Amino acid sequence: MKITFSKKAEKQSNKIPDRIFDHILIKIKDLANQTGSLNIRKLTSREGYRLRVGDYRVIYKSSKTELTVLSVSHRKDAYQR
């Protein structure tokens, strides 16, 4: 499965410390490969799903061939548009 980041997600990921973002990236790859135990929920307020990685949230949408990361942010800011 192909993983792509939106421009917003790329900007947000540049602000996250490398050590933490490396852990987030591992979880995103696990999600794309459908391996591991992941904490995923469907969003009710907007389109997509939420992946919880510690204090950070990854908002994404998925199709059969592509996983698009829409947002990567701290949990206090994750659900604001």
PDB file of N, CA and C in Angstrom:
ATOM      1  N   MET A   1       0.847  -1.178   0.000  1.00  0.00           N
ATOM      2  CA  MET A   1       0.000   0.000   0.000  1.00  0.00           C
ATOM      3  C   MET A   1       0.896   1.245   0.000  1.00  0.00           C
ATOM      4  N   LYS A   2       0.540   2.203  -0.825  1.00  0.00           N
ATOM      5  CA  LYS A   2       1.302   3.445  -0.950  1.00  0.00           C
ATOM      6  C   LYS A   2       0.889   4.426   0.156  1.00  0.00           C
ATOM      7  N   ILE A   3       1.872   5.084   0.781  1.00  0.00           N
ATOM      8  CA  ILE A   3       1.618   6.069   1.833  1.00  0.00           C
ATOM      9  C   ILE A   3       1.952   7.453   1.296  1.00  0.00           C
ATOM     10  N   THR A   4       0.991   8.379   1.400  1.00  0.00           N
ATOM     11  CA  THR A   4       1.240   9.759   0.999  1.00  0.00           C
ATOM     12  C   THR A   4       0.863  10.692   2.148  1.00  0.00           C
ATOM     13  N   PHE A   5       1.535  11.830   2.212  1.00  0.00           N
ATOM     14  CA  PHE A   5       1.267  12.847   3.222  1.00  0.00           C
ATOM     15  C   PHE A   5       0.702  14.085   2.532  1.00  0.00           C
ATOM     16  N   SER A   6      -0.339  14.654   3.098  1.00  0.00           N
ATOM     17  CA  SER A   6      -0.845  15.927   2.598  1.00  0.00           C
ATOM     18  C   SER A   6       0.166  17.019   2.936  1.00  0.00           C
ATOM     19  N   LYS A   7       0.041  18.177   2.301  1.00  0.00           N
ATOM     20  CA  LYS A   7       0.962  19.278   2.586  1.00  0.00           C
ATOM     21  C   LYS A   7       0.866  19.696   4.052  1.00  0.00           C
ATOM     22  N   LYS A   8      -0.347  19.688   4.587  1.00  0.00           N
ATOM     23  CA  LYS A   8      -0.557  20.040   5.995  1.00  0.00           C
ATOM     24  C   LYS A   8       0.185  19.050   6.906  1.00  0.00           C
ATOM     25  N   ALA A   9       0.060  17.765   6.604  1.00  0.00           N
ATOM     26  CA  ALA A   9       0.711  16.735   7.418  1.00  0.00           C
ATOM     27  C   ALA A   9       2.237  16.852   7.334  1.00  0.00           C
ATOM     28  N   GLU A  10       2.764  17.187   6.160  1.00  0.00           N
ATOM     29  CA  GLU A  10       4.214  17.364   6.020  1.00  0.00           C
ATOM     30  C   GLU A  10       4.700  18.524   6.882  1.00  0.00           C
ATOM     31  N   LYS A  11       3.986  19.643   6.862  1.00  0.00           N
ATOM     32  CA  LYS A  11       4.372  20.802   7.667  1.00  0.00           C
ATOM     33  C   LYS A  11       4.319  20.470   9.155  1.00  0.00           C
ATOM     34  N   GLN A  12       3.262  19.752   9.573  1.00  0.00           N
ATOM     35  CA  GLN A  12       3.120  19.389  10.979  1.00  0.00           C
ATOM     36  C   GLN A  12       4.218  18.420  11.406  1.00  0.00           C
ATOM     37  N   SER A  13       4.559  17.482  10.545  1.00  0.00           N
ATOM     38  CA  SER A  13       5.565  16.478  10.909  1.00  0.00           C
ATOM     39  C   SER A  13       6.950  17.095  11.052  1.00  0.00           C
ATOM     40  N   ASN A  14       7.216  18.184  10.351  1.00  0.00           N
ATOM     41  CA  ASN A  14       8.516  18.857  10.486  1.00  0.00           C
ATOM     42  C   ASN A  14       8.684  19.502  11.851  1.00  0.00           C
ATOM     43  N   LYS A  15       7.583  19.792  12.537  1.00  0.00           N
ATOM     44  CA  LYS A  15       7.631  20.431  13.852  1.00  0.00           C
ATOM     45  C   LYS A  15       7.744  19.427  14.999  1.00  0.00           C
ATOM     46  N   ILE A  16       7.522  18.154  14.709  1.00  0.00           N
ATOM     47  CA  ILE A  16       7.576  17.106  15.727  1.00  0.00           C
ATOM     48  C   ILE A  16       9.033  16.653  15.895  1.00  0.00           C
ATOM     49  N   PRO A  17       9.494  16.463  17.134  1.00  0.00           N
ATOM     50  CA  PRO A  17      10.868  15.980  17.348  1.00  0.00           C
ATOM     51  C   PRO A  17      11.116  14.656  16.607  1.00  0.00           C
ATOM     52  N   ASP A  18      12.324  14.487  16.066  1.00  0.00           N
ATOM     53  CA  ASP A  18      12.655  13.325  15.240  1.00  0.00           C
ATOM     54  C   ASP A  18      12.396  11.998  15.946  1.00  0.00           C
ATOM     55  N   ARG A  19      12.755  11.909  17.206  1.00  0.00           N
ATOM     56  CA  ARG A  19      12.580  10.658  17.961  1.00  0.00           C
ATOM     57  C   ARG A  19      11.111  10.252  18.007  1.00  0.00           C
ATOM     58  N   ILE A  20      10.250  11.209  18.225  1.00  0.00           N
ATOM     59  CA  ILE A  20       8.811  10.935  18.303  1.00  0.00           C
ATOM     60  C   ILE A  20       8.258  10.644  16.913  1.00  0.00           C
ATOM     61  N   PHE A  21       8.691  11.409  15.906  1.00  0.00           N
ATOM     62  CA  PHE A  21       8.170  11.191  14.554  1.00  0.00           C
ATOM     63  C   PHE A  21       8.601   9.835  14.009  1.00  0.00           C
ATOM     64  N   ASP A  22       9.793   9.355  14.380  1.00  0.00           N
ATOM     65  CA  ASP A  22      10.222   8.022  13.954  1.00  0.00           C
ATOM     66  C   ASP A  22       9.253   6.959  14.469  1.00  0.00           C
ATOM     67  N   HIS A  23       8.823   7.102  15.708  1.00  0.00           N
ATOM     68  CA  HIS A  23       7.851   6.168  16.288  1.00  0.00           C
ATOM     69  C   HIS A  23       6.505   6.263  15.562  1.00  0.00           C
ATOM     70  N   ILE A  24       6.074   7.474  15.246  1.00  0.00           N
ATOM     71  CA  ILE A  24       4.824   7.677  14.507  1.00  0.00           C
ATOM     72  C   ILE A  24       4.914   7.041  13.130  1.00  0.00           C
ATOM     73  N   LEU A  25       6.051   7.205  12.466  1.00  0.00           N
ATOM     74  CA  LEU A  25       6.244   6.644  11.128  1.00  0.00           C
ATOM     75  C   LEU A  25       6.188   5.122  11.142  1.00  0.00           C
ATOM     76  N   ILE A  26       6.735   4.508  12.181  1.00  0.00           N
ATOM     77  CA  ILE A  26       6.660   3.048  12.322  1.00  0.00           C
ATOM     78  C   ILE A  26       5.203   2.608  12.414  1.00  0.00           C
ATOM     79  N   LYS A  27       4.399   3.332  13.204  1.00  0.00           N
ATOM     80  CA  LYS A  27       2.984   2.984  13.351  1.00  0.00           C
ATOM     81  C   LYS A  27       2.219   3.178  12.043  1.00  0.00           C
ATOM     82  N   ILE A  28       2.562   4.216  11.282  1.00  0.00           N
ATOM     83  CA  ILE A  28       1.909   4.444   9.987  1.00  0.00           C
ATOM     84  C   ILE A  28       2.245   3.304   9.032  1.00  0.00           C
ATOM     85  N   LYS A  29       3.492   2.851   9.036  1.00  0.00           N
ATOM     86  CA  LYS A  29       3.881   1.725   8.188  1.00  0.00           C
ATOM     87  C   LYS A  29       3.173   0.448   8.622  1.00  0.00           C
ATOM     88  N   ASP A  30       3.025   0.235   9.935  1.00  0.00           N
ATOM     89  CA  ASP A  30       2.270  -0.920  10.438  1.00  0.00           C
ATOM     90  C   ASP A  30       0.827  -0.851   9.952  1.00  0.00           C
ATOM     91  N   LEU A  31       0.267   0.337   9.962  1.00  0.00           N
ATOM     92  CA  LEU A  31      -1.102   0.533   9.495  1.00  0.00           C
ATOM     93  C   LEU A  31      -1.230   0.184   8.021  1.00  0.00           C
ATOM     94  N   ALA A  32      -0.285   0.642   7.205  1.00  0.00           N
ATOM     95  CA  ALA A  32      -0.314   0.366   5.768  1.00  0.00           C
ATOM     96  C   ALA A  32      -0.167  -1.127   5.477  1.00  0.00           C
ATOM     97  N   ASN A  33       0.653  -1.802   6.279  1.00  0.00           N
ATOM     98  CA  ASN A  33       0.864  -3.243   6.094  1.00  0.00           C
ATOM     99  C   ASN A  33      -0.124  -4.090   6.868  1.00  0.00           C
ATOM    100  N   GLN A  34      -0.989  -3.439   7.640  1.00  0.00           N
ATOM    101  CA  GLN A  34      -2.003  -4.099   8.458  1.00  0.00           C
ATOM    102  C   GLN A  34      -1.377  -5.111   9.421  1.00  0.00           C
ATOM    103  N   THR A  35      -0.317  -4.667  10.093  1.00  0.00           N
ATOM    104  CA  THR A  35       0.334  -5.514  11.091  1.00  0.00           C
ATOM    105  C   THR A  35       0.305  -4.817  12.437  1.00  0.00           C
ATOM    106  N   GLY A  36       0.460  -5.560  13.478  1.00  0.00           N
ATOM    107  CA  GLY A  36       0.541  -4.983  14.822  1.00  0.00           C
ATOM    108  C   GLY A  36      -0.820  -4.625  15.385  1.00  0.00           C
ATOM    109  N   SER A  37      -0.802  -4.289  16.649  1.00  0.00           N
ATOM    110  CA  SER A  37      -1.999  -3.889  17.377  1.00  0.00           C
ATOM    111  C   SER A  37      -2.082  -2.367  17.348  1.00  0.00           C
ATOM    112  N   LEU A  38      -3.101  -1.827  16.710  1.00  0.00           N
ATOM    113  CA  LEU A  38      -3.217  -0.389  16.530  1.00  0.00           C
ATOM    114  C   LEU A  38      -4.516   0.129  17.135  1.00  0.00           C
ATOM    115  N   ASN A  39      -4.465   1.349  17.633  1.00  0.00           N
ATOM    116  CA  ASN A  39      -5.634   1.991  18.230  1.00  0.00           C
ATOM    117  C   ASN A  39      -6.247   2.924  17.184  1.00  0.00           C
ATOM    118  N   ILE A  40      -7.261   2.416  16.452  1.00  0.00           N
ATOM    119  CA  ILE A  40      -7.865   3.149  15.341  1.00  0.00           C
ATOM    120  C   ILE A  40      -9.349   3.354  15.627  1.00  0.00           C
ATOM    121  N   ARG A  41      -9.832   4.541  15.283  1.00  0.00           N
ATOM    122  CA  ARG A  41     -11.264   4.837  15.400  1.00  0.00           C
ATOM    123  C   ARG A  41     -11.714   5.636  14.182  1.00  0.00           C
ATOM    124  N   LYS A  42     -12.938   5.423  13.756  1.00  0.00           N
ATOM    125  CA  LYS A  42     -13.525   6.222  12.685  1.00  0.00           C
ATOM    126  C   LYS A  42     -13.957   7.551  13.279  1.00  0.00           C
ATOM    127  N   LEU A  43     -13.678   8.642  12.565  1.00  0.00           N
ATOM    128  CA  LEU A  43     -14.061   9.965  13.033  1.00  0.00           C
ATOM    129  C   LEU A  43     -15.540  10.208  12.759  1.00  0.00           C
ATOM    130  N   THR A  44     -16.202  10.861  13.691  1.00  0.00           N
ATOM    131  CA  THR A  44     -17.621  11.179  13.499  1.00  0.00           C
ATOM    132  C   THR A  44     -17.817  12.606  13.019  1.00  0.00           C
ATOM    133  N   SER A  45     -16.885  13.487  13.342  1.00  0.00           N
ATOM    134  CA  SER A  45     -17.049  14.897  13.009  1.00  0.00           C
ATOM    135  C   SER A  45     -16.578  15.238  11.597  1.00  0.00           C
ATOM    136  N   ARG A  46     -15.792  14.352  10.990  1.00  0.00           N
ATOM    137  CA  ARG A  46     -15.325  14.580   9.621  1.00  0.00           C
ATOM    138  C   ARG A  46     -14.899  13.259   9.000  1.00  0.00           C
ATOM    139  N   GLU A  47     -14.518  13.314   7.745  1.00  0.00           N
ATOM    140  CA  GLU A  47     -14.127  12.131   7.009  1.00  0.00           C
ATOM    141  C   GLU A  47     -12.792  11.588   7.510  1.00  0.00           C
ATOM    142  N   GLY A  48     -12.661  10.295   7.566  1.00  0.00           N
ATOM    143  CA  GLY A  48     -11.384   9.676   7.881  1.00  0.00           C
ATOM    144  C   GLY A  48     -11.362   8.898   9.181  1.00  0.00           C
ATOM    145  N   TYR A  49     -10.154   8.515   9.553  1.00  0.00           N
ATOM    146  CA  TYR A  49      -9.904   7.710  10.740  1.00  0.00           C
ATOM    147  C   TYR A  49      -8.809   8.353  11.564  1.00  0.00           C
ATOM    148  N   ARG A  50      -8.696   7.916  12.818  1.00  0.00           N
ATOM    149  CA  ARG A  50      -7.700   8.432  13.742  1.00  0.00           C
ATOM    150  C   ARG A  50      -6.860   7.273  14.252  1.00  0.00           C
ATOM    151  N   LEU A  51      -5.546   7.460  14.204  1.00  0.00           N
ATOM    152  CA  LEU A  51      -4.591   6.506  14.759  1.00  0.00           C
ATOM    153  C   LEU A  51      -3.922   7.181  15.942  1.00  0.00           C
ATOM    154  N   ARG A  52      -4.007   6.552  17.103  1.00  0.00           N
ATOM    155  CA  ARG A  52      -3.399   7.108  18.310  1.00  0.00           C
ATOM    156  C   ARG A  52      -1.990   6.558  18.478  1.00  0.00           C
ATOM    157  N   VAL A  53      -1.020   7.481  18.634  1.00  0.00           N
ATOM    158  CA  VAL A  53       0.373   7.104  18.873  1.00  0.00           C
ATOM    159  C   VAL A  53       0.858   7.952  20.039  1.00  0.00           C
ATOM    160  N   GLY A  54       0.733   7.433  21.252  1.00  0.00           N
ATOM    161  CA  GLY A  54       1.109   8.188  22.445  1.00  0.00           C
ATOM    162  C   GLY A  54       0.254   9.436  22.580  1.00  0.00           C
ATOM    163  N   ASP A  55       0.894  10.595  22.694  1.00  0.00           N
ATOM    164  CA  ASP A  55       0.177  11.865  22.812  1.00  0.00           C
ATOM    165  C   ASP A  55      -0.134  12.479  21.453  1.00  0.00           C
ATOM    166  N   TYR A  56       0.182  11.782  20.374  1.00  0.00           N
ATOM    167  CA  TYR A  56      -0.040  12.308  19.031  1.00  0.00           C
ATOM    168  C   TYR A  56      -1.152  11.545  18.332  1.00  0.00           C
ATOM    169  N   ARG A  57      -1.809  12.234  17.395  1.00  0.00           N
ATOM    170  CA  ARG A  57      -2.890  11.643  16.618  1.00  0.00           C
ATOM    171  C   ARG A  57      -2.579  11.792  15.140  1.00  0.00           C
ATOM    172  N   VAL A  58      -2.786  10.711  14.409  1.00  0.00           N
ATOM    173  CA  VAL A  58      -2.622  10.715  12.964  1.00  0.00           C
ATOM    174  C   VAL A  58      -4.027  10.590  12.374  1.00  0.00           C
ATOM    175  N   ILE A  59      -4.438  11.604  11.629  1.00  0.00           N
ATOM    176  CA  ILE A  59      -5.727  11.582  10.951  1.00  0.00           C
ATOM    177  C   ILE A  59      -5.438  11.164   9.515  1.00  0.00           C
ATOM    178  N   TYR A  60      -6.158  10.139   9.028  1.00  0.00           N
ATOM    179  CA  TYR A  60      -5.873   9.625   7.693  1.00  0.00           C
ATOM    180  C   TYR A  60      -7.143   9.135   7.027  1.00  0.00           C
ATOM    181  N   LYS A  61      -7.032   8.937   5.711  1.00  0.00           N
ATOM    182  CA  LYS A  61      -8.081   8.255   4.962  1.00  0.00           C
ATOM    183  C   LYS A  61      -7.397   7.179   4.143  1.00  0.00           C
ATOM    184  N   SER A  62      -8.156   6.153   3.833  1.00  0.00           N
ATOM    185  CA  SER A  62      -7.550   4.988   3.214  1.00  0.00           C
ATOM    186  C   SER A  62      -8.416   4.444   2.091  1.00  0.00           C
ATOM    187  N   SER A  63      -7.748   3.940   1.056  1.00  0.00           N
ATOM    188  CA  SER A  63      -8.410   3.179   0.008  1.00  0.00           C
ATOM    189  C   SER A  63      -7.672   1.845  -0.101  1.00  0.00           C
ATOM    190  N   LYS A  64      -8.029   1.035  -1.067  1.00  0.00           N
ATOM    191  CA  LYS A  64      -7.382  -0.271  -1.183  1.00  0.00           C
ATOM    192  C   LYS A  64      -5.912  -0.172  -1.563  1.00  0.00           C
ATOM    193  N   THR A  65      -5.536   0.895  -2.277  1.00  0.00           N
ATOM    194  CA  THR A  65      -4.169   1.004  -2.766  1.00  0.00           C
ATOM    195  C   THR A  65      -3.362   2.122  -2.124  1.00  0.00           C
ATOM    196  N   GLU A  66      -4.011   3.049  -1.407  1.00  0.00           N
ATOM    197  CA  GLU A  66      -3.302   4.212  -0.893  1.00  0.00           C
ATOM    198  C   GLU A  66      -3.793   4.616   0.490  1.00  0.00           C
ATOM    199  N   LEU A  67      -2.854   5.014   1.335  1.00  0.00           N
ATOM    200  CA  LEU A  67      -3.154   5.561   2.654  1.00  0.00           C
ATOM    201  C   LEU A  67      -2.675   7.014   2.640  1.00  0.00           C
ATOM    202  N   THR A  68      -3.593   7.950   2.833  1.00  0.00           N
ATOM    203  CA  THR A  68      -3.255   9.369   2.803  1.00  0.00           C
ATOM    204  C   THR A  68      -3.322   9.924   4.211  1.00  0.00           C
ATOM    205  N   VAL A  69      -2.178  10.414   4.708  1.00  0.00           N
ATOM    206  CA  VAL A  69      -2.107  11.024   6.028  1.00  0.00           C
ATOM    207  C   VAL A  69      -2.523  12.488   5.878  1.00  0.00           C
ATOM    208  N   LEU A  70      -3.614  12.866   6.556  1.00  0.00           N
ATOM    209  CA  LEU A  70      -4.147  14.215   6.454  1.00  0.00           C
ATOM    210  C   LEU A  70      -3.564  15.150   7.495  1.00  0.00           C
ATOM    211  N   SER A  71      -3.260  14.609   8.688  1.00  0.00           N
ATOM    212  CA  SER A  71      -2.790  15.448   9.788  1.00  0.00           C
ATOM    213  C   SER A  71      -2.004  14.603  10.776  1.00  0.00           C
ATOM    214  N   VAL A  72      -0.940  15.190  11.326  1.00  0.00           N
ATOM    215  CA  VAL A  72      -0.140  14.573  12.397  1.00  0.00           C
ATOM    216  C   VAL A  72       0.075  15.659  13.431  1.00  0.00           C
ATOM    217  N   SER A  73      -0.584  15.538  14.590  1.00  0.00           N
ATOM    218  CA  SER A  73      -0.450  16.607  15.582  1.00  0.00           C
ATOM    219  C   SER A  73      -0.653  16.078  16.995  1.00  0.00           C
ATOM    220  N   HIS A  74      -0.297  16.926  17.960  1.00  0.00           N
ATOM    221  CA  HIS A  74      -0.480  16.600  19.367  1.00  0.00           C
ATOM    222  C   HIS A  74      -1.971  16.468  19.644  1.00  0.00           C
ATOM    223  N   ARG A  75      -2.325  15.660  20.598  1.00  0.00           N
ATOM    224  CA  ARG A  75      -3.742  15.375  20.855  1.00  0.00           C
ATOM    225  C   ARG A  75      -4.553  16.605  21.210  1.00  0.00           C
ATOM    226  N   LYS A  76      -3.941  17.629  21.797  1.00  0.00           N
ATOM    227  CA  LYS A  76      -4.700  18.821  22.160  1.00  0.00           C
ATOM    228  C   LYS A  76      -5.117  19.624  20.932  1.00  0.00           C
ATOM    229  N   ASP A  77      -4.400  19.443  19.815  1.00  0.00           N
ATOM    230  CA  ASP A  77      -4.692  20.174  18.582  1.00  0.00           C
ATOM    231  C   ASP A  77      -5.244  19.302  17.471  1.00  0.00           C
ATOM    232  N   ALA A  78      -5.347  18.022  17.695  1.00  0.00           N
ATOM    233  CA  ALA A  78      -5.597  17.063  16.609  1.00  0.00           C
ATOM    234  C   ALA A  78      -6.937  17.241  15.909  1.00  0.00           C
ATOM    235  N   TYR A  79      -7.967  17.603  16.608  1.00  0.00           N
ATOM    236  CA  TYR A  79      -9.291  17.590  16.006  1.00  0.00           C
ATOM    237  C   TYR A  79      -9.758  18.962  15.553  1.00  0.00           C
ATOM    238  N   GLN A  80      -8.896  19.959  15.656  1.00  0.00           N
ATOM    239  CA  GLN A  80      -9.226  21.284  15.142  1.00  0.00           C
ATOM    240  C   GLN A  80      -8.912  21.304  13.662  1.00  0.00           C
ATOM    241  N   ARG A  81      -9.721  21.981  12.893  1.00  0.00           N
ATOM    242  CA  ARG A  81      -9.488  22.021  11.448  1.00  0.00           C
ATOM    243  C   ARG A  81      -8.602  23.112  11.105  1.00  0.00           C
TER     244      ARG A  81
END
